[in-house]
């Protein structure tokens, strides 16, 4: 099985497959323990039933993770084909799905350059303004002040912004950009 790397194209799809398999295995182990205990003693009240119930805790956690991955939508092939050639020296991040207490934000493509974070969402349900505010707050919490976050829901506008950002002459700071990307990876699904 190919390893799912956060920020790479197809991450959500690969991770979804892995989480489905993991959830089925976890519930299967709990069910098999319960059946083994019942078969051995002839009643439900036994030690293996307790172990099976405790085994449901990680299984249920995995089920919640599964539900989140099924709600998330990754980057489409059309968006990838439009954004990839315009990345140039920038590092593209795909299939980013951010969650907050109020809303969830599906970002198909994203780049970081200096104090600018550009992102594109294909989801019509994504509140662009709330997403920008959420990401700015999370980056500020992560120690990155004065970051400009621009999320677009128009592919042509985003490609133009991506092209312009790539053409800007800035002092390269790959270490800082990597740190910002690390924070974004940490807060995404």
N, C-alpha and C. Protein backbone atom coordinates (compact mmCIF):
# COMPACT_ATOMS: atom_id res chain seq x y z
N UNK A 1 0.84 -1.17 0.00
CA UNK A 1 0.00 0.00 0.00
C UNK A 1 0.89 1.24 0.00
N UNK A 2 0.58 2.20 -0.86
CA UNK A 2 1.33 3.44 -0.96
C UNK A 2 1.11 4.26 0.31
N UNK A 3 2.16 4.89 0.80
CA UNK A 3 2.08 5.66 2.03
C UNK A 3 1.45 7.03 1.75
N UNK A 4 0.49 7.41 2.60
CA UNK A 4 -0.17 8.70 2.47
C UNK A 4 0.65 9.77 3.19
N UNK A 5 1.12 10.75 2.43
CA UNK A 5 1.91 11.84 3.00
C UNK A 5 1.06 13.11 2.98
N UNK A 6 0.90 13.70 4.15
CA UNK A 6 0.06 14.88 4.28
C UNK A 6 0.58 15.99 3.38
N UNK A 7 -0.33 16.58 2.62
CA UNK A 7 0.02 17.67 1.71
C UNK A 7 0.29 17.22 0.29
N UNK A 8 0.35 15.92 0.07
CA UNK A 8 0.58 15.42 -1.29
C UNK A 8 -0.76 15.17 -1.98
N UNK A 9 -0.72 15.18 -3.29
CA UNK A 9 -1.93 14.94 -4.06
C UNK A 9 -2.42 13.51 -3.82
N UNK A 10 -3.70 13.35 -3.54
CA UNK A 10 -4.29 12.04 -3.30
C UNK A 10 -4.22 11.58 -1.85
N UNK A 11 -3.74 12.45 -0.96
CA UNK A 11 -3.58 12.09 0.45
C UNK A 11 -4.90 11.64 1.08
N UNK A 12 -5.95 12.39 0.86
CA UNK A 12 -7.23 12.08 1.50
C UNK A 12 -7.75 10.72 1.04
N UNK A 13 -7.66 10.45 -0.24
CA UNK A 13 -8.13 9.17 -0.76
C UNK A 13 -7.35 7.99 -0.19
N UNK A 14 -6.02 8.11 -0.16
CA UNK A 14 -5.20 7.03 0.40
C UNK A 14 -5.45 6.86 1.90
N UNK A 15 -5.54 7.96 2.61
CA UNK A 15 -5.76 7.90 4.06
C UNK A 15 -7.15 7.31 4.35
N UNK A 16 -8.12 7.64 3.53
CA UNK A 16 -9.47 7.11 3.71
C UNK A 16 -9.46 5.58 3.62
N UNK A 17 -8.73 5.05 2.64
CA UNK A 17 -8.63 3.58 2.49
C UNK A 17 -7.98 2.95 3.71
N UNK A 18 -6.90 3.56 4.19
CA UNK A 18 -6.20 3.04 5.37
C UNK A 18 -7.11 3.06 6.60
N UNK A 19 -7.84 4.14 6.80
CA UNK A 19 -8.70 4.27 7.98
C UNK A 19 -9.86 3.28 7.91
N UNK A 20 -10.39 3.02 6.72
CA UNK A 20 -11.45 2.01 6.58
C UNK A 20 -10.93 0.65 7.03
N UNK A 21 -9.77 0.28 6.54
CA UNK A 21 -9.17 -1.00 6.89
C UNK A 21 -8.90 -1.09 8.39
N UNK A 22 -8.32 -0.03 8.96
CA UNK A 22 -8.02 -0.01 10.39
C UNK A 22 -9.29 -0.13 11.24
N UNK A 23 -10.34 0.57 10.85
CA UNK A 23 -11.59 0.54 11.61
C UNK A 23 -12.22 -0.85 11.58
N UNK A 24 -12.23 -1.47 10.41
CA UNK A 24 -12.77 -2.82 10.29
C UNK A 24 -11.98 -3.80 11.16
N UNK A 25 -10.67 -3.68 11.14
CA UNK A 25 -9.83 -4.58 11.95
C UNK A 25 -10.09 -4.36 13.44
N UNK A 26 -10.14 -3.11 13.87
CA UNK A 26 -10.38 -2.83 15.29
C UNK A 26 -11.72 -3.39 15.77
N UNK A 27 -12.79 -3.16 14.99
CA UNK A 27 -14.09 -3.69 15.38
C UNK A 27 -14.09 -5.22 15.28
N UNK A 28 -13.38 -5.77 14.31
CA UNK A 28 -13.29 -7.22 14.18
C UNK A 28 -12.62 -7.87 15.37
N UNK A 29 -11.56 -7.25 15.87
CA UNK A 29 -10.88 -7.77 17.06
C UNK A 29 -11.81 -7.77 18.26
N UNK A 30 -12.52 -6.66 18.47
CA UNK A 30 -13.45 -6.57 19.60
C UNK A 30 -14.56 -7.61 19.48
N UNK A 31 -15.11 -7.75 18.29
CA UNK A 31 -16.18 -8.72 18.09
C UNK A 31 -15.68 -10.14 18.29
N UNK A 32 -14.49 -10.44 17.79
CA UNK A 32 -13.95 -11.80 17.95
C UNK A 32 -13.65 -12.11 19.43
N UNK A 33 -13.19 -11.13 20.18
CA UNK A 33 -12.98 -11.34 21.62
C UNK A 33 -14.30 -11.61 22.34
N UNK A 34 -15.33 -10.85 21.97
CA UNK A 34 -16.64 -11.07 22.60
C UNK A 34 -17.17 -12.47 22.26
N UNK A 35 -17.06 -12.87 21.01
CA UNK A 35 -17.55 -14.19 20.59
C UNK A 35 -16.74 -15.30 21.26
N UNK A 36 -15.42 -15.12 21.37
CA UNK A 36 -14.58 -16.13 22.03
C UNK A 36 -14.96 -16.28 23.50
N UNK A 37 -15.21 -15.16 24.16
CA UNK A 37 -15.62 -15.21 25.57
C UNK A 37 -16.97 -15.87 25.75
N UNK A 38 -17.89 -15.55 24.86
CA UNK A 38 -19.23 -16.13 24.94
C UNK A 38 -19.18 -17.63 24.64
N UNK A 39 -18.36 -18.02 23.65
CA UNK A 39 -18.25 -19.44 23.29
C UNK A 39 -17.59 -20.24 24.42
N UNK A 40 -16.62 -19.63 25.10
CA UNK A 40 -15.89 -20.34 26.15
C UNK A 40 -16.72 -20.51 27.43
N UNK A 41 -17.51 -19.48 27.77
CA UNK A 41 -18.23 -19.52 29.05
C UNK A 41 -19.72 -19.79 28.89
N UNK A 42 -20.26 -19.53 27.74
CA UNK A 42 -21.70 -19.73 27.54
C UNK A 42 -22.54 -18.56 28.02
N UNK A 43 -21.94 -17.49 28.49
CA UNK A 43 -22.68 -16.30 28.92
C UNK A 43 -21.88 -15.04 28.59
N UNK A 44 -22.59 -13.91 28.60
CA UNK A 44 -21.94 -12.64 28.23
C UNK A 44 -21.07 -12.08 29.35
N UNK A 45 -21.35 -12.42 30.57
CA UNK A 45 -20.62 -11.87 31.70
C UNK A 45 -19.31 -12.62 31.90
N UNK A 46 -18.23 -12.13 31.26
CA UNK A 46 -16.92 -12.75 31.42
C UNK A 46 -15.84 -11.70 31.17
N UNK A 47 -14.61 -12.08 31.42
CA UNK A 47 -13.49 -11.14 31.30
C UNK A 47 -13.24 -10.69 29.86
N UNK A 48 -13.44 -11.59 28.90
CA UNK A 48 -13.22 -11.22 27.50
C UNK A 48 -14.25 -10.20 27.01
N UNK A 49 -15.43 -10.18 27.59
CA UNK A 49 -16.43 -9.17 27.24
C UNK A 49 -15.93 -7.79 27.66
N UNK A 50 -15.32 -7.71 28.83
CA UNK A 50 -14.76 -6.44 29.30
C UNK A 50 -13.63 -5.98 28.37
N UNK A 51 -12.77 -6.90 27.98
CA UNK A 51 -11.67 -6.57 27.07
C UNK A 51 -12.23 -6.13 25.72
N UNK A 52 -13.29 -6.79 25.25
CA UNK A 52 -13.91 -6.43 23.97
C UNK A 52 -14.52 -5.03 24.05
N UNK A 53 -15.14 -4.71 25.17
CA UNK A 53 -15.73 -3.37 25.34
C UNK A 53 -14.64 -2.32 25.37
N UNK A 54 -13.55 -2.59 26.07
CA UNK A 54 -12.43 -1.65 26.09
C UNK A 54 -11.79 -1.53 24.71
N UNK A 55 -11.82 -2.58 23.94
CA UNK A 55 -11.31 -2.55 22.57
C UNK A 55 -12.16 -1.70 21.65
N UNK A 56 -13.40 -1.46 22.05
CA UNK A 56 -14.27 -0.60 21.24
C UNK A 56 -13.86 0.87 21.31
N UNK A 57 -13.11 1.25 22.35
CA UNK A 57 -12.68 2.65 22.47
C UNK A 57 -11.79 3.07 21.29
N UNK A 58 -10.70 2.36 20.99
CA UNK A 58 -9.92 2.77 19.82
C UNK A 58 -10.68 2.55 18.50
N UNK A 59 -11.56 1.57 18.49
CA UNK A 59 -12.35 1.32 17.28
C UNK A 59 -13.30 2.50 17.01
N UNK A 60 -13.91 3.01 18.05
CA UNK A 60 -14.82 4.15 17.89
C UNK A 60 -14.05 5.42 17.52
N UNK A 61 -12.86 5.59 18.08
CA UNK A 61 -12.02 6.73 17.71
C UNK A 61 -11.66 6.64 16.23
N UNK A 62 -11.36 5.45 15.78
CA UNK A 62 -11.04 5.25 14.37
C UNK A 62 -12.27 5.51 13.49
N UNK A 63 -13.45 5.17 14.00
CA UNK A 63 -14.70 5.41 13.26
C UNK A 63 -14.94 6.91 13.08
N UNK A 64 -14.67 7.70 14.11
CA UNK A 64 -14.82 9.16 14.01
C UNK A 64 -13.84 9.70 12.95
N UNK A 65 -12.62 9.20 12.97
CA UNK A 65 -11.63 9.57 11.98
C UNK A 65 -12.11 9.20 10.58
N UNK A 66 -12.71 8.04 10.45
CA UNK A 66 -13.25 7.57 9.18
C UNK A 66 -14.35 8.52 8.67
N UNK A 67 -15.23 8.92 9.56
CA UNK A 67 -16.31 9.83 9.18
C UNK A 67 -15.73 11.15 8.67
N UNK A 68 -14.70 11.66 9.34
CA UNK A 68 -14.08 12.91 8.91
C UNK A 68 -13.43 12.75 7.53
N UNK A 69 -12.78 11.64 7.28
CA UNK A 69 -12.15 11.45 5.97
C UNK A 69 -13.18 11.26 4.88
N UNK A 70 -14.35 10.71 5.19
CA UNK A 70 -15.39 10.60 4.17
C UNK A 70 -16.06 11.93 3.90
N UNK A 71 -16.05 12.84 4.87
CA UNK A 71 -16.61 14.17 4.65
C UNK A 71 -15.66 15.03 3.83
N UNK A 72 -14.36 14.78 3.95
CA UNK A 72 -13.36 15.59 3.26
C UNK A 72 -13.30 15.24 1.78
N UNK A 73 -13.11 16.25 0.98
CA UNK A 73 -12.93 16.06 -0.45
C UNK A 73 -11.54 16.55 -0.83
N UNK A 74 -10.87 15.81 -1.64
CA UNK A 74 -9.53 16.17 -2.05
C UNK A 74 -9.53 17.08 -3.27
N UNK A 75 -8.35 17.34 -3.75
CA UNK A 75 -8.15 18.19 -4.92
C UNK A 75 -8.53 17.43 -6.19
N UNK A 76 -9.24 18.10 -7.07
CA UNK A 76 -9.62 17.45 -8.33
C UNK A 76 -8.44 17.47 -9.30
N UNK A 77 -8.53 16.61 -10.29
CA UNK A 77 -7.48 16.52 -11.32
C UNK A 77 -7.39 17.84 -12.10
N UNK A 78 -8.53 18.48 -12.33
CA UNK A 78 -8.57 19.75 -13.06
C UNK A 78 -7.79 20.83 -12.31
N UNK A 79 -8.01 20.93 -11.01
CA UNK A 79 -7.30 21.92 -10.20
C UNK A 79 -5.82 21.61 -10.13
N UNK A 80 -5.49 20.35 -9.99
CA UNK A 80 -4.07 19.96 -9.94
C UNK A 80 -3.37 20.33 -11.24
N UNK A 81 -4.02 20.05 -12.37
CA UNK A 81 -3.42 20.36 -13.67
C UNK A 81 -3.27 21.86 -13.89
N UNK A 82 -4.16 22.66 -13.30
CA UNK A 82 -4.08 24.11 -13.46
C UNK A 82 -3.02 24.71 -12.53
N UNK A 83 -2.89 24.20 -11.31
CA UNK A 83 -2.00 24.80 -10.30
C UNK A 83 -0.57 24.29 -10.39
N UNK A 84 -0.37 23.05 -10.71
CA UNK A 84 0.97 22.44 -10.68
C UNK A 84 1.98 23.19 -11.55
N UNK A 85 1.67 23.55 -12.80
CA UNK A 85 2.66 24.26 -13.61
C UNK A 85 2.99 25.66 -13.09
N UNK A 86 2.08 26.25 -12.30
CA UNK A 86 2.29 27.61 -11.81
C UNK A 86 3.04 27.65 -10.48
N UNK A 87 3.28 26.49 -9.88
CA UNK A 87 3.97 26.46 -8.59
C UNK A 87 5.39 26.98 -8.73
N UNK A 88 6.07 26.60 -9.79
CA UNK A 88 7.44 27.05 -9.98
C UNK A 88 8.33 26.64 -8.82
N UNK A 89 8.91 27.63 -8.13
CA UNK A 89 9.80 27.37 -6.99
C UNK A 89 9.02 27.13 -5.70
N UNK A 90 7.71 27.34 -5.71
CA UNK A 90 6.89 27.19 -4.52
C UNK A 90 6.56 25.73 -4.27
N UNK A 91 6.32 25.38 -3.02
CA UNK A 91 5.95 24.02 -2.66
C UNK A 91 4.42 23.96 -2.53
N UNK A 92 3.80 23.17 -3.38
CA UNK A 92 2.35 23.05 -3.36
C UNK A 92 1.88 22.03 -2.32
N UNK A 93 0.82 22.37 -1.64
CA UNK A 93 0.21 21.45 -0.67
C UNK A 93 -1.21 21.15 -1.17
N UNK A 94 -1.53 19.87 -1.24
CA UNK A 94 -2.82 19.45 -1.76
C UNK A 94 -3.65 18.81 -0.65
N UNK A 95 -4.95 18.73 -0.88
CA UNK A 95 -5.87 17.97 -0.02
C UNK A 95 -5.79 18.39 1.45
N UNK A 96 -5.82 19.68 1.71
CA UNK A 96 -5.79 20.16 3.09
C UNK A 96 -7.23 20.33 3.57
N UNK A 97 -7.52 19.82 4.75
CA UNK A 97 -8.86 19.90 5.32
C UNK A 97 -8.72 20.38 6.75
N UNK A 98 -9.15 21.62 7.00
CA UNK A 98 -9.01 22.23 8.31
C UNK A 98 -10.35 22.19 9.04
N UNK A 99 -10.29 21.95 10.34
CA UNK A 99 -11.51 21.92 11.15
C UNK A 99 -11.41 22.98 12.23
N UNK A 100 -12.55 23.59 12.52
CA UNK A 100 -12.64 24.52 13.64
C UNK A 100 -13.88 24.11 14.44
N UNK A 101 -14.14 24.82 15.51
CA UNK A 101 -15.30 24.47 16.33
C UNK A 101 -16.61 24.73 15.60
N UNK A 102 -16.62 25.74 14.72
CA UNK A 102 -17.86 26.08 14.03
C UNK A 102 -17.99 25.45 12.65
N UNK A 103 -16.89 25.43 11.89
CA UNK A 103 -16.97 25.01 10.49
C UNK A 103 -15.74 24.19 10.10
N UNK A 104 -15.87 23.54 8.95
CA UNK A 104 -14.75 22.80 8.34
C UNK A 104 -14.42 23.48 7.01
N UNK A 105 -13.14 23.43 6.65
CA UNK A 105 -12.68 24.12 5.45
C UNK A 105 -11.86 23.16 4.59
N UNK A 106 -12.35 22.88 3.38
CA UNK A 106 -11.64 22.01 2.44
C UNK A 106 -10.84 22.89 1.49
N UNK A 107 -9.51 22.79 1.57
CA UNK A 107 -8.63 23.57 0.70
C UNK A 107 -7.95 22.58 -0.25
N UNK A 108 -8.17 22.77 -1.54
CA UNK A 108 -7.64 21.85 -2.55
C UNK A 108 -6.14 22.04 -2.78
N UNK A 109 -5.71 23.29 -2.85
CA UNK A 109 -4.30 23.59 -3.12
C UNK A 109 -3.88 24.80 -2.29
N UNK A 110 -2.63 24.78 -1.83
CA UNK A 110 -2.15 25.84 -0.97
C UNK A 110 -0.64 25.98 -1.13
N UNK A 111 -0.14 27.22 -1.04
CA UNK A 111 1.30 27.48 -1.05
C UNK A 111 1.64 28.49 0.04
N UNK A 112 2.90 28.45 0.47
CA UNK A 112 3.41 29.39 1.47
C UNK A 112 4.66 30.04 0.89
N UNK A 113 4.71 31.37 0.98
CA UNK A 113 5.89 32.11 0.52
C UNK A 113 6.06 33.33 1.41
N UNK A 114 7.09 33.32 2.23
CA UNK A 114 7.35 34.45 3.13
C UNK A 114 6.21 34.63 4.12
N UNK A 115 5.58 35.78 4.05
CA UNK A 115 4.47 36.08 4.95
C UNK A 115 3.11 35.91 4.28
N UNK A 116 3.09 35.20 3.15
CA UNK A 116 1.86 35.01 2.38
C UNK A 116 1.50 33.53 2.30
N UNK A 117 0.24 33.25 2.57
CA UNK A 117 -0.31 31.90 2.40
C UNK A 117 -1.46 32.03 1.41
N UNK A 118 -1.34 31.36 0.28
CA UNK A 118 -2.41 31.36 -0.73
C UNK A 118 -3.07 30.00 -0.74
N UNK A 119 -4.38 29.99 -0.89
CA UNK A 119 -5.10 28.73 -0.96
C UNK A 119 -6.28 28.82 -1.90
N UNK A 120 -6.68 27.66 -2.40
CA UNK A 120 -7.84 27.57 -3.30
C UNK A 120 -8.76 26.47 -2.81
N UNK A 121 -10.05 26.80 -2.74
CA UNK A 121 -11.04 25.81 -2.36
C UNK A 121 -12.00 25.55 -3.51
N UNK A 122 -12.33 24.30 -3.71
CA UNK A 122 -13.32 23.93 -4.73
C UNK A 122 -14.70 23.77 -4.10
N UNK A 123 -14.75 23.73 -2.80
CA UNK A 123 -16.00 23.47 -2.09
C UNK A 123 -16.87 24.72 -2.05
N UNK A 124 -18.12 24.56 -2.45
CA UNK A 124 -19.05 25.68 -2.38
C UNK A 124 -19.49 25.94 -0.94
N UNK A 125 -19.29 24.96 -0.07
CA UNK A 125 -19.67 25.10 1.34
C UNK A 125 -18.61 25.81 2.17
N UNK A 126 -17.43 26.01 1.62
CA UNK A 126 -16.32 26.61 2.37
C UNK A 126 -16.53 28.11 2.49
N UNK A 127 -16.60 28.59 3.72
CA UNK A 127 -16.70 30.02 4.01
C UNK A 127 -15.28 30.60 3.95
N UNK A 128 -14.98 31.29 2.85
CA UNK A 128 -13.63 31.77 2.58
C UNK A 128 -13.14 32.73 3.66
N UNK A 129 -13.98 33.66 4.05
CA UNK A 129 -13.58 34.65 5.06
C UNK A 129 -13.31 33.98 6.40
N UNK A 130 -14.18 33.08 6.82
CA UNK A 130 -13.99 32.38 8.09
C UNK A 130 -12.73 31.51 8.04
N UNK A 131 -12.45 30.93 6.90
CA UNK A 131 -11.25 30.10 6.73
C UNK A 131 -10.00 30.95 6.88
N UNK A 132 -9.98 32.12 6.24
CA UNK A 132 -8.84 33.02 6.35
C UNK A 132 -8.61 33.43 7.80
N UNK A 133 -9.69 33.79 8.49
CA UNK A 133 -9.57 34.20 9.90
C UNK A 133 -9.07 33.05 10.77
N UNK A 134 -9.60 31.86 10.53
CA UNK A 134 -9.20 30.68 11.31
C UNK A 134 -7.71 30.38 11.11
N UNK A 135 -7.26 30.38 9.86
CA UNK A 135 -5.86 30.08 9.59
C UNK A 135 -4.93 31.15 10.14
N UNK A 136 -5.34 32.42 10.04
CA UNK A 136 -4.52 33.49 10.62
C UNK A 136 -4.41 33.33 12.13
N UNK A 137 -5.52 32.99 12.77
CA UNK A 137 -5.50 32.80 14.23
C UNK A 137 -4.61 31.61 14.60
N UNK A 138 -4.70 30.52 13.86
CA UNK A 138 -3.89 29.34 14.15
C UNK A 138 -2.40 29.62 13.92
N UNK A 139 -2.08 30.36 12.87
CA UNK A 139 -0.69 30.71 12.61
C UNK A 139 -0.16 31.66 13.68
N UNK A 140 -1.00 32.58 14.12
CA UNK A 140 -0.58 33.49 15.19
C UNK A 140 -0.32 32.70 16.47
N UNK A 141 -1.19 31.72 16.75
CA UNK A 141 -0.99 30.84 17.90
C UNK A 141 0.30 30.04 17.77
N UNK A 142 0.65 29.70 16.55
CA UNK A 142 1.86 28.94 16.28
C UNK A 142 3.12 29.80 16.28
N UNK A 143 2.97 31.11 16.52
CA UNK A 143 4.13 32.00 16.62
C UNK A 143 4.45 32.76 15.35
N UNK A 144 3.54 32.77 14.37
CA UNK A 144 3.77 33.48 13.11
C UNK A 144 2.84 34.68 13.02
N UNK A 145 3.37 35.83 13.38
CA UNK A 145 2.59 37.07 13.36
C UNK A 145 2.66 37.69 11.96
N UNK A 146 1.72 38.53 11.66
CA UNK A 146 1.69 39.30 10.40
C UNK A 146 1.66 38.42 9.15
N UNK A 147 1.04 37.27 9.23
CA UNK A 147 0.89 36.42 8.05
C UNK A 147 -0.38 36.86 7.29
N UNK A 148 -0.28 36.92 5.99
CA UNK A 148 -1.42 37.24 5.15
C UNK A 148 -1.94 35.93 4.56
N UNK A 149 -3.20 35.63 4.82
CA UNK A 149 -3.82 34.41 4.31
C UNK A 149 -4.89 34.82 3.30
N UNK A 150 -4.74 34.34 2.08
CA UNK A 150 -5.71 34.61 1.01
C UNK A 150 -6.24 33.29 0.50
N UNK A 151 -7.53 33.06 0.68
CA UNK A 151 -8.19 31.86 0.17
C UNK A 151 -9.14 32.30 -0.94
N UNK A 152 -9.08 31.60 -2.04
CA UNK A 152 -9.91 31.95 -3.19
C UNK A 152 -10.80 30.77 -3.57
N UNK A 153 -11.97 31.09 -4.12
CA UNK A 153 -12.83 30.04 -4.63
C UNK A 153 -13.00 30.15 -6.15
N UNK A 154 -12.18 31.00 -6.76
CA UNK A 154 -12.17 31.20 -8.21
C UNK A 154 -10.82 30.70 -8.74
N UNK A 155 -10.82 29.65 -9.53
CA UNK A 155 -9.59 29.02 -9.99
C UNK A 155 -8.73 29.96 -10.84
N UNK A 156 -9.35 30.73 -11.73
CA UNK A 156 -8.59 31.65 -12.57
C UNK A 156 -7.90 32.71 -11.72
N UNK A 157 -8.62 33.26 -10.77
CA UNK A 157 -8.05 34.28 -9.87
C UNK A 157 -6.91 33.67 -9.05
N UNK A 158 -7.12 32.45 -8.57
CA UNK A 158 -6.08 31.79 -7.77
C UNK A 158 -4.83 31.53 -8.61
N UNK A 159 -5.01 31.08 -9.83
CA UNK A 159 -3.85 30.81 -10.71
C UNK A 159 -3.09 32.10 -10.99
N UNK A 160 -3.81 33.20 -11.15
CA UNK A 160 -3.15 34.50 -11.36
C UNK A 160 -2.37 34.91 -10.11
N UNK A 161 -2.97 34.73 -8.93
CA UNK A 161 -2.27 35.04 -7.67
C UNK A 161 -1.04 34.16 -7.51
N UNK A 162 -1.17 32.90 -7.86
CA UNK A 162 -0.06 31.96 -7.76
C UNK A 162 1.08 32.38 -8.69
N UNK A 163 0.73 32.76 -9.90
CA UNK A 163 1.72 33.22 -10.87
C UNK A 163 2.43 34.48 -10.35
N UNK A 164 1.66 35.44 -9.84
CA UNK A 164 2.24 36.69 -9.32
C UNK A 164 3.14 36.43 -8.12
N UNK A 165 2.73 35.55 -7.23
CA UNK A 165 3.53 35.23 -6.05
C UNK A 165 4.85 34.58 -6.46
N UNK A 166 4.80 33.76 -7.48
CA UNK A 166 6.00 33.09 -7.96
C UNK A 166 6.96 34.07 -8.64
N UNK A 167 6.43 35.15 -9.20
CA UNK A 167 7.26 36.14 -9.89
C UNK A 167 7.88 37.17 -8.94
N UNK A 168 7.33 37.30 -7.72
CA UNK A 168 7.84 38.28 -6.77
C UNK A 168 9.26 37.94 -6.36
N UNK A 169 10.08 38.95 -6.24
CA UNK A 169 11.46 38.76 -5.78
C UNK A 169 11.49 39.00 -4.28
N UNK A 170 11.64 37.93 -3.52
CA UNK A 170 11.71 38.03 -2.07
C UNK A 170 12.97 37.32 -1.59
N UNK A 171 13.38 37.70 -0.40
CA UNK A 171 14.47 36.98 0.24
C UNK A 171 13.97 35.57 0.54
N UNK A 172 14.58 34.55 -0.01
CA UNK A 172 14.10 33.20 0.27
C UNK A 172 14.36 32.82 1.73
N UNK A 173 13.33 32.29 2.34
CA UNK A 173 13.45 31.81 3.72
C UNK A 173 12.80 30.43 3.81
N UNK A 174 13.43 29.40 3.21
CA UNK A 174 12.82 28.08 3.17
C UNK A 174 12.59 27.48 4.55
N UNK A 175 13.43 27.82 5.53
CA UNK A 175 13.24 27.27 6.88
C UNK A 175 11.95 27.79 7.49
N UNK A 176 11.71 29.10 7.34
CA UNK A 176 10.49 29.69 7.89
C UNK A 176 9.26 29.15 7.16
N UNK A 177 9.37 29.06 5.84
CA UNK A 177 8.25 28.51 5.06
C UNK A 177 7.95 27.08 5.49
N UNK A 178 8.99 26.29 5.74
CA UNK A 178 8.79 24.91 6.21
C UNK A 178 8.11 24.89 7.58
N UNK A 179 8.46 25.83 8.45
CA UNK A 179 7.83 25.89 9.76
C UNK A 179 6.35 26.24 9.64
N UNK A 180 6.03 27.18 8.75
CA UNK A 180 4.62 27.55 8.52
C UNK A 180 3.86 26.35 7.95
N UNK A 181 4.47 25.68 6.96
CA UNK A 181 3.83 24.49 6.40
C UNK A 181 3.63 23.43 7.48
N UNK A 182 4.60 23.28 8.39
CA UNK A 182 4.47 22.33 9.49
C UNK A 182 3.27 22.62 10.37
N UNK A 183 3.05 23.90 10.66
CA UNK A 183 1.88 24.29 11.47
C UNK A 183 0.61 23.96 10.70
N UNK A 184 0.59 24.26 9.41
CA UNK A 184 -0.61 23.99 8.59
C UNK A 184 -0.88 22.48 8.52
N UNK A 185 0.17 21.68 8.39
CA UNK A 185 0.00 20.23 8.37
C UNK A 185 -0.52 19.73 9.72
N UNK A 186 -0.02 20.32 10.80
CA UNK A 186 -0.44 19.89 12.14
C UNK A 186 -1.91 20.17 12.40
N UNK A 187 -2.45 21.25 11.86
CA UNK A 187 -3.84 21.59 12.14
C UNK A 187 -4.81 21.07 11.09
N UNK A 188 -4.29 20.40 10.06
CA UNK A 188 -5.18 19.84 9.04
C UNK A 188 -5.45 18.36 9.33
N UNK A 189 -6.48 17.85 8.71
CA UNK A 189 -6.88 16.46 8.89
C UNK A 189 -5.85 15.52 8.28
